[in-house]
Amino acid sequence: MPRSARIVIPDEPAMYYIMSKRALDGFPLGDMEKDFLVDLIRRLSRIYFVEIFGFCIMSNHFHLLLRMLRKNPFRTRMSKSTTRTYTARTRS
């Protein structure tokens, strides 16, 4: 069954609840992986202009509550540029 369409209110910032569960049983996130995930969330929230309201990281999944900050042309150009740079680095 497909998911319901998102409700979008023009000119209003939207809140998003994200949950991601691991598919592999027997391979829980340890302290080092959790620290890496927290650092990754922190770095990517600055790159993509996201305000983090809260998160919870457990051994097999995480929850994240965030709000996308208002769209502006500079932010869009910066995130596209950063994505290209990141992608180029990870492929080489």
Protein backbone atom coordinates (compact mmCIF):
# COMPACT_ATOMS: atom_id res chain seq x y z
CA MET A 1 0.00 0.00 0.00
CA PRO A 2 1.50 3.38 -0.94
CA ARG A 3 2.05 6.01 1.72
CA SER A 4 -0.28 8.97 2.08
CA ALA A 5 0.71 12.19 0.38
CA ARG A 6 2.40 14.77 2.59
CA ILE A 7 0.35 17.75 3.64
CA VAL A 8 2.18 20.88 2.56
CA ILE A 9 1.16 24.33 3.77
CA PRO A 10 2.78 27.00 1.59
CA ASP A 11 5.18 29.35 3.41
CA GLU A 12 5.00 27.30 6.63
CA PRO A 13 7.95 25.21 7.83
CA ALA A 14 7.10 21.52 8.09
CA MET A 15 8.01 19.13 10.90
CA TYR A 16 9.12 15.63 9.98
CA TYR A 17 9.30 12.50 12.11
CA ILE A 18 11.77 9.97 10.75
CA MET A 19 12.29 6.42 11.94
CA SER A 20 14.82 4.06 10.48
CA LYS A 21 15.07 0.43 11.53
CA ARG A 22 17.97 -1.86 10.78
CA ALA A 23 17.25 -4.85 8.59
CA LEU A 24 20.04 -7.07 9.93
CA ASP A 25 19.31 -9.01 13.09
CA GLY A 26 22.26 -9.71 15.30
CA PHE A 27 24.19 -6.60 14.25
CA PRO A 28 23.19 -3.92 16.76
CA LEU A 29 24.60 -0.41 16.82
CA GLY A 30 27.36 -0.18 19.39
CA ASP A 31 28.56 2.94 21.17
CA MET A 32 31.01 3.79 18.38
CA GLU A 33 28.34 3.51 15.67
CA LYS A 34 25.90 5.59 17.73
CA ASP A 35 28.52 8.32 18.20
CA PHE A 36 29.19 8.29 14.45
CA LEU A 37 25.45 8.60 13.72
CA VAL A 38 25.09 11.56 16.12
CA ASP A 39 28.05 13.29 14.45
CA LEU A 40 26.62 12.56 11.00
CA ILE A 41 23.22 13.99 11.96
CA ARG A 42 24.92 17.11 13.35
CA ARG A 43 27.03 17.68 10.20
CA LEU A 44 24.26 16.98 7.69
CA SER A 45 21.78 19.20 9.54
CA ARG A 46 24.13 22.14 8.96
CA ILE A 47 24.66 21.29 5.30
CA TYR A 48 20.97 20.84 4.49
CA PHE A 49 19.64 23.60 6.80
CA VAL A 50 17.58 21.41 9.07
CA GLU A 51 16.66 22.18 12.67
CA ILE A 52 16.88 19.06 14.85
CA PHE A 53 14.30 19.03 17.65
CA GLY A 54 15.17 15.65 19.07
CA PHE A 55 16.45 12.19 18.37
CA CYS A 56 16.72 8.82 20.04
CA ILE A 57 19.25 6.21 18.94
CA MET A 58 18.80 2.61 20.04
CA SER A 59 20.68 -0.55 19.17
CA ASN A 60 18.52 -1.46 16.17
CA HIS A 61 16.80 1.79 15.09
CA PHE A 62 16.60 5.54 15.56
CA HIS A 63 13.97 8.28 15.73
CA LEU A 64 14.52 11.82 14.51
CA LEU A 65 12.28 14.89 14.73
CA LEU A 66 13.27 17.78 12.50
CA ARG A 67 12.07 20.86 10.67
CA MET A 68 13.25 22.03 7.29
CA LEU A 69 14.24 25.68 7.44
CA ARG A 70 12.75 28.11 4.94
CA LYS A 71 13.88 27.73 1.35
CA ASN A 72 16.15 30.37 -0.13
CA PRO A 73 18.29 30.42 -3.31
CA PHE A 74 21.63 30.50 -1.44
CA ARG A 75 20.74 27.44 0.62
CA THR A 76 19.65 25.51 -2.48
CA ARG A 77 22.91 26.30 -4.32
CA MET A 78 25.01 25.45 -1.24
CA SER A 79 23.34 22.09 -0.63
CA LYS A 80 23.67 21.10 -4.32
CA SER A 81 27.34 22.10 -4.31
CA THR A 82 28.00 20.22 -1.07
CA THR A 83 26.21 17.13 -2.37
CA ARG A 84 28.33 17.13 -5.53
CA THR A 85 31.53 17.52 -3.49
CA TYR A 86 30.53 14.77 -1.04
CA THR A 87 29.52 12.41 -3.85
CA ALA A 88 32.78 13.02 -5.74
CA ARG A 89 34.82 12.27 -2.60
CA THR A 90 32.98 9.07 -1.76
CA ARG A 91 33.26 7.69 -5.30
CA SER A 92 37.00 8.16 -5.58
